[in-house]
Amino acid sequence: EVVSTADKPQKLMIDLVVGYRKANGSIGPKVFKFKDFELDTAATETCSKKLGLVVRSTRKLYAGAHTVTVRVNGTDLATASFDLTD
């Protein structure tokens, strides 16, 4: 949930940054545009998104730690990690 504490409406751009583990063990970020909206004063917006971890011709998935970061208006607000197994 995104909760407004501002005293006037705000324009928000929410991105999801997935840190995919690469073959050499480093993390490569991929930005997914998620939601662009205006949030009124004292309003709440519920947001949800599913990203499929599917092998594609452009991206191979490697086992290990990956991350997901929520970015609002260019500022990273929260990061979580998960382990992908074979």
C-alpha atoms as a PDB file:
ATOM      1  CA  GLU A   1       0.000   0.000   0.000  1.00  0.00           C
ATOM      2  CA  VAL A   2       1.083   3.530  -0.767  1.00  0.00           C
ATOM      3  CA  VAL A   3      -0.211   6.027   1.801  1.00  0.00           C
ATOM      4  CA  SER A   4      -0.098   9.783   1.254  1.00  0.00           C
ATOM      5  CA  THR A   5       1.049  11.958   4.145  1.00  0.00           C
ATOM      6  CA  ALA A   6       1.382  15.057   1.962  1.00  0.00           C
ATOM      7  CA  ASP A   7      -0.811  18.149   2.210  1.00  0.00           C
ATOM      8  CA  LYS A   8      -1.451  18.244  -1.555  1.00  0.00           C
ATOM      9  CA  PRO A   9      -1.908  15.641  -4.347  1.00  0.00           C
ATOM     10  CA  GLN A  10       1.288  13.972  -5.603  1.00  0.00           C
ATOM     11  CA  LYS A  11       2.269  12.437  -8.917  1.00  0.00           C
ATOM     12  CA  LEU A  12       3.960   9.085  -8.329  1.00  0.00           C
ATOM     13  CA  MET A  13       5.910   6.796 -10.642  1.00  0.00           C
ATOM     14  CA  ILE A  14       6.533   3.363  -9.173  1.00  0.00           C
ATOM     15  CA  ASP A  15       9.145   1.032 -10.651  1.00  0.00           C
ATOM     16  CA  LEU A  16      10.229  -2.450  -9.632  1.00  0.00           C
ATOM     17  CA  VAL A  17      13.958  -3.101  -9.898  1.00  0.00           C
ATOM     18  CA  VAL A  18      14.771  -6.810 -10.023  1.00  0.00           C
ATOM     19  CA  GLY A  19      18.388  -7.685  -9.331  1.00  0.00           C
ATOM     20  CA  TYR A  20      19.007 -10.827 -11.368  1.00  0.00           C
ATOM     21  CA  ARG A  21      22.036 -12.975 -10.526  1.00  0.00           C
ATOM     22  CA  LYS A  22      24.353 -13.248 -13.495  1.00  0.00           C
ATOM     23  CA  ALA A  23      26.599 -16.150 -14.539  1.00  0.00           C
ATOM     24  CA  ASN A  24      29.647 -14.499 -12.923  1.00  0.00           C
ATOM     25  CA  GLY A  25      27.797 -14.105  -9.579  1.00  0.00           C
ATOM     26  CA  SER A  26      27.204 -10.361  -9.797  1.00  0.00           C
ATOM     27  CA  ILE A  27      23.748  -8.789  -9.742  1.00  0.00           C
ATOM     28  CA  GLY A  28      22.350  -7.111 -12.857  1.00  0.00           C
ATOM     29  CA  PRO A  29      19.388  -4.765 -12.307  1.00  0.00           C
ATOM     30  CA  LYS A  30      16.375  -4.756 -14.633  1.00  0.00           C
ATOM     31  CA  VAL A  31      13.828  -1.951 -14.181  1.00  0.00           C
ATOM     32  CA  PHE A  32      10.154  -2.761 -14.764  1.00  0.00           C
ATOM     33  CA  LYS A  33       7.794   0.204 -15.060  1.00  0.00           C
ATOM     34  CA  PHE A  34       4.945  -0.539 -12.689  1.00  0.00           C
ATOM     35  CA  LYS A  35       2.497   2.288 -12.070  1.00  0.00           C
ATOM     36  CA  ASP A  36       2.153   6.002 -12.822  1.00  0.00           C
ATOM     37  CA  PHE A  37      -0.669   7.791 -10.989  1.00  0.00           C
ATOM     38  CA  GLU A  38      -1.695  10.762  -8.875  1.00  0.00           C
ATOM     39  CA  LEU A  39      -2.318  10.183  -5.161  1.00  0.00           C
ATOM     40  CA  ASP A  40      -4.683  12.571  -3.385  1.00  0.00           C
ATOM     41  CA  THR A  41      -4.112  14.018   0.077  1.00  0.00           C
ATOM     42  CA  ALA A  42      -4.452  11.362   2.818  1.00  0.00           C
ATOM     43  CA  ALA A  43      -5.326   8.719   0.201  1.00  0.00           C
ATOM     44  CA  THR A  44      -4.215   5.097   0.054  1.00  0.00           C
ATOM     45  CA  GLU A  45      -3.488   3.125  -3.121  1.00  0.00           C
ATOM     46  CA  THR A  46      -3.147  -0.656  -3.055  1.00  0.00           C
ATOM     47  CA  CYS A  47      -0.621  -1.965  -5.568  1.00  0.00           C
ATOM     48  CA  SER A  48       0.313  -5.518  -6.506  1.00  0.00           C
ATOM     49  CA  LYS A  49       2.335  -7.071  -9.296  1.00  0.00           C
ATOM     50  CA  LYS A  50       3.455 -10.538 -10.334  1.00  0.00           C
ATOM     51  CA  LEU A  51       6.674 -11.040 -12.249  1.00  0.00           C
ATOM     52  CA  GLY A  52       7.195 -14.451 -13.763  1.00  0.00           C
ATOM     53  CA  LEU A  53      10.627 -15.974 -13.346  1.00  0.00           C
ATOM     54  CA  VAL A  54      10.621 -17.670 -16.720  1.00  0.00           C
ATOM     55  CA  VAL A  55      13.669 -18.470 -18.827  1.00  0.00           C
ATOM     56  CA  ARG A  56      13.569 -16.275 -21.920  1.00  0.00           C
ATOM     57  CA  SER A  57      15.891 -15.942 -24.862  1.00  0.00           C
ATOM     58  CA  THR A  58      17.035 -12.543 -23.525  1.00  0.00           C
ATOM     59  CA  ARG A  59      17.622 -13.584 -19.922  1.00  0.00           C
ATOM     60  CA  LYS A  60      18.850 -16.836 -18.390  1.00  0.00           C
ATOM     61  CA  LEU A  61      18.067 -17.416 -14.731  1.00  0.00           C
ATOM     62  CA  TYR A  62      20.846 -18.481 -12.359  1.00  0.00           C
ATOM     63  CA  ALA A  63      20.480 -20.023  -8.910  1.00  0.00           C
ATOM     64  CA  GLY A  64      21.301 -17.843  -5.917  1.00  0.00           C
ATOM     65  CA  ALA A  65      20.201 -14.626  -4.270  1.00  0.00           C
ATOM     66  CA  HIS A  66      18.118 -12.139  -6.267  1.00  0.00           C
ATOM     67  CA  THR A  67      16.608  -8.842  -5.111  1.00  0.00           C
ATOM     68  CA  VAL A  68      13.461  -6.797  -5.685  1.00  0.00           C
ATOM     69  CA  THR A  69      13.488  -3.065  -4.951  1.00  0.00           C
ATOM     70  CA  VAL A  70      10.510  -0.684  -4.971  1.00  0.00           C
ATOM     71  CA  ARG A  71      11.485   2.668  -6.476  1.00  0.00           C
ATOM     72  CA  VAL A  72       9.133   5.652  -6.143  1.00  0.00           C
ATOM     73  CA  ASN A  73       9.916   8.817  -8.127  1.00  0.00           C
ATOM     74  CA  GLY A  74      13.508   7.672  -8.546  1.00  0.00           C
ATOM     75  CA  THR A  75      14.121   6.915  -4.860  1.00  0.00           C
ATOM     76  CA  ASP A  76      14.603   3.331  -3.661  1.00  0.00           C
ATOM     77  CA  LEU A  77      12.269   2.782  -0.698  1.00  0.00           C
ATOM     78  CA  ALA A  78      12.323  -0.936   0.100  1.00  0.00           C
ATOM     79  CA  THR A  79      14.356  -3.958  -0.925  1.00  0.00           C
ATOM     80  CA  ALA A  80      13.715  -7.656  -0.366  1.00  0.00           C
ATOM     81  CA  SER A  81      15.783 -10.639  -1.421  1.00  0.00           C
ATOM     82  CA  PHE A  82      14.954 -14.212  -2.335  1.00  0.00           C
ATOM     83  CA  ASP A  83      16.883 -17.335  -3.269  1.00  0.00           C
ATOM     84  CA  LEU A  84      16.278 -19.042  -6.575  1.00  0.00           C
ATOM     85  CA  THR A  85      17.107 -22.752  -6.578  1.00  0.00           C
ATOM     86  CA  ASP A  86      17.554 -25.197  -9.438  1.00  0.00           C
END
